[in-house]
Protein backbone atom coordinates (compact mmCIF):
# COMPACT_ATOMS: atom_id res chain seq x y z
CA MET A 1 0.05 0.06 0.46
CA ARG A 2 1.63 3.61 -1.25
CA HIS A 3 1.72 6.19 2.05
CA GLY A 4 0.54 9.43 1.28
CA VAL A 5 -2.89 11.14 1.52
CA ARG A 6 -5.49 10.92 -1.18
CA LEU A 7 -8.53 13.15 -2.06
CA GLY A 8 -11.93 11.12 -4.12
CA VAL A 9 -14.06 12.81 -5.36
CA ASP A 10 -17.80 12.58 -6.52
CA VAL A 11 -19.29 13.99 -9.15
CA GLY A 12 -22.55 15.37 -9.45
CA THR A 13 -24.33 18.33 -11.46
CA ALA A 14 -25.36 20.70 -8.55
CA ARG A 15 -21.48 19.69 -6.07
CA ILE A 16 -18.70 17.82 -5.69
CA GLY A 17 -18.38 15.55 -2.31
CA LEU A 18 -14.67 15.92 -1.44
CA ALA A 19 -13.23 13.43 0.95
CA ARG A 20 -9.92 12.84 2.42
CA CYS A 21 -7.62 9.49 3.85
CA ASP A 22 -5.11 9.55 6.34
CA SER A 23 -1.41 9.20 4.73
CA ARG A 24 -1.82 5.38 5.48
CA GLY A 25 -3.85 5.20 3.13
CA MET A 26 -6.41 3.42 5.68
CA LEU A 27 -9.36 5.31 6.19
CA ALA A 28 -11.50 7.60 4.32
CA THR A 29 -13.20 11.23 5.82
CA PRO A 30 -15.58 13.90 4.59
CA VAL A 31 -13.69 17.45 4.06
CA GLU A 32 -16.54 20.16 2.70
CA THR A 33 -18.55 20.25 -0.54
CA VAL A 34 -18.04 22.18 -3.48
CA GLN A 35 -20.54 24.29 -6.32
CA ARG A 36 -20.75 22.87 -9.48
CA ASP A 37 -19.34 25.94 -11.62
CA ARG A 38 -21.92 25.57 -14.85
CA ARG A 39 -20.60 28.84 -16.25
CA GLY A 40 -17.01 27.78 -17.29
CA ALA A 41 -15.29 29.23 -15.07
CA ALA A 42 -13.23 26.71 -13.37
CA VAL A 43 -14.06 27.72 -9.70
CA ASP A 44 -14.92 23.95 -8.81
CA VAL A 45 -11.31 22.74 -10.24
CA THR A 46 -9.40 25.74 -8.78
CA ARG A 47 -10.91 25.07 -5.01
CA ILE A 48 -10.64 21.55 -5.71
CA ALA A 49 -6.75 21.93 -6.94
CA ALA A 50 -5.88 24.46 -4.00
CA VAL A 51 -7.82 22.20 -2.05
CA CYS A 52 -5.22 18.65 -3.38
CA ARG A 53 -2.20 21.64 -1.73
CA GLU A 54 -3.18 21.95 1.39
CA LEU A 55 -3.27 18.78 2.05
CA GLU A 56 -0.51 17.69 -0.31
CA ALA A 57 -2.11 14.77 -1.50
CA ILE A 58 -0.56 12.30 -4.07
CA GLU A 59 -3.86 11.17 -5.41
CA ILE A 60 -7.07 11.99 -7.13
CA ILE A 61 -9.53 9.72 -7.10
CA VAL A 62 -12.39 10.32 -9.03
CA GLY A 63 -15.79 8.29 -9.24
CA LEU A 64 -16.49 7.20 -12.41
CA PRO A 65 -20.64 6.78 -11.90
CA LEU A 66 -21.35 3.84 -14.56
CA ALA A 67 -24.45 2.31 -15.07
CA LEU A 68 -25.04 -0.96 -13.26
CA SER A 69 -24.78 -3.13 -16.62
CA GLY A 70 -21.23 -0.89 -16.61
CA SER A 71 -21.86 0.78 -19.70
CA HIS A 72 -21.31 4.12 -20.20
CA THR A 73 -23.53 7.21 -19.22
CA ALA A 74 -24.65 11.37 -19.95
CA SER A 75 -22.93 10.52 -16.23
CA THR A 76 -19.84 9.34 -17.57
CA ALA A 77 -18.84 11.66 -19.82
CA ASP A 78 -19.41 14.41 -17.20
CA ALA A 79 -17.36 12.75 -14.52
CA THR A 80 -14.64 11.92 -17.39
CA GLY A 81 -14.14 15.41 -18.88
CA PHE A 82 -14.29 16.69 -15.23
CA ALA A 83 -11.74 14.32 -13.82
CA GLU A 84 -9.62 15.20 -17.48
CA SER A 85 -10.00 19.85 -16.44
CA LEU A 86 -8.90 18.35 -13.00
CA GLN A 87 -6.07 16.65 -14.38
CA ARG A 88 -4.56 19.80 -16.32
CA VAL A 89 -4.71 21.75 -13.24
CA VAL A 90 -3.31 19.30 -10.58
CA PRO A 91 0.12 18.02 -10.03
CA VAL A 92 -0.90 14.92 -8.63
CA PRO A 93 -2.25 12.07 -10.79
CA VAL A 94 -6.04 11.62 -11.54
CA ARG A 95 -7.79 8.19 -11.05
CA LEU A 96 -10.96 7.73 -12.55
CA VAL A 97 -12.96 4.37 -9.60
CA ASP A 98 -15.58 2.59 -10.76
CA GLU A 99 -18.84 4.52 -8.57
CA ARG A 100 -21.91 2.57 -8.81
CA LEU A 101 -24.29 3.28 -5.71
CA SER A 102 -22.04 5.20 -4.08
CA THR A 103 -24.93 7.83 -3.68
CA VAL A 104 -27.44 5.58 -2.65
CA THR A 105 -25.12 3.95 -0.41
CA ALA A 106 -24.45 7.52 1.04
CA GLN A 107 -28.34 7.80 1.25
CA SER A 108 -28.93 4.87 3.08
CA ALA A 109 -26.67 5.35 5.37
CA LEU A 110 -28.02 8.40 6.50
CA ARG A 111 -31.38 7.95 6.65
CA SER A 112 -30.37 4.73 8.83
CA SER A 113 -28.39 7.23 10.84
CA GLY A 114 -31.86 9.15 11.79
CA LYS A 115 -31.23 12.37 9.59
CA LYS A 116 -33.69 13.44 7.59
CA ALA A 117 -33.64 13.19 3.88
CA LYS A 118 -33.67 17.43 4.00
CA ALA A 119 -30.17 17.71 6.23
CA HIS A 120 -28.96 15.04 3.65
CA ARG A 121 -28.32 17.54 1.14
CA PRO A 122 -25.21 19.40 2.17
CA VAL A 123 -23.52 16.23 3.30
CA ILE A 124 -25.18 13.26 0.88
CA ASP A 125 -21.64 14.42 -1.65
CA GLN A 126 -19.22 14.46 0.47
CA VAL A 127 -20.08 10.92 2.25
CA ALA A 128 -20.56 9.59 -0.93
CA ALA A 129 -17.21 10.99 -2.48
CA VAL A 130 -15.86 9.04 1.12
CA ILE A 131 -17.45 6.19 -0.18
CA ILE A 132 -15.69 5.79 -3.25
CA LEU A 133 -11.75 7.03 -1.67
CA GLN A 134 -12.69 3.73 0.88
CA HIS A 135 -13.74 1.24 -2.23
CA ALA A 136 -10.07 2.80 -4.28
CA LEU A 137 -8.20 2.22 -0.86
CA ASP A 138 -9.51 -1.64 0.07
CA THR A 139 -9.13 -1.98 -3.80
CA GLU A 140 -5.66 -0.56 -3.54
CA ARG A 141 -5.48 -2.79 -0.66
CA ALA A 142 -6.65 -5.85 -1.81
CA SER A 143 -4.73 -5.75 -5.11
CA GLY A 144 -1.68 -3.96 -4.71
CA LYS A 145 -2.24 -1.73 -7.35
CA PRO A 146 -3.61 1.32 -7.55
CA PRO A 147 -7.95 1.97 -8.52
CA GLY A 148 -9.38 2.48 -11.32
CA SER A 149 -7.73 4.07 -14.05
CA ALA A 150 -5.12 6.72 -15.19
CA VAL A 151 -6.88 9.80 -16.90
CA ASN A 152 -5.17 11.56 -19.83
CA PRO A 153 -5.76 14.83 -19.33
CA ASN A 154 -5.64 15.08 -23.19
CA GLU A 155 -8.05 12.27 -24.64
CA GLY A 156 -10.76 14.77 -24.33
CA SER A 157 -9.41 17.10 -26.39
């Protein structure tokens, strides 16, 4: 298992959840929710890059939303494009990791904790990012290899 903080990212249409792990790569915890910038100013990418620097992250893990069948969807293309934009501005690798059912799992966990649905909104994206990052950490620990696939920032260009 590689040592160093990783940053987990759950890309949504309105918000982006961020999570981090400890330097030993054992446990993912929530960080913050960033508003999605759809105006093209890249305020969201800039903020995530700043968090990456602040945490001295060695890698960013972006959730890749796939259909249950494994096929690509419009959300898959959106997350891939976002990851490519992020890779252009951060000096660390960005990896895409399958995130099927992470938001559903996050909603279920919050519901079972007794939180009301309206109270979920501010933290649901962070919890989904925790689930994505923890899955990536567990996968790396089991396989000995970095999880998912590396992002090529020039793919979409």
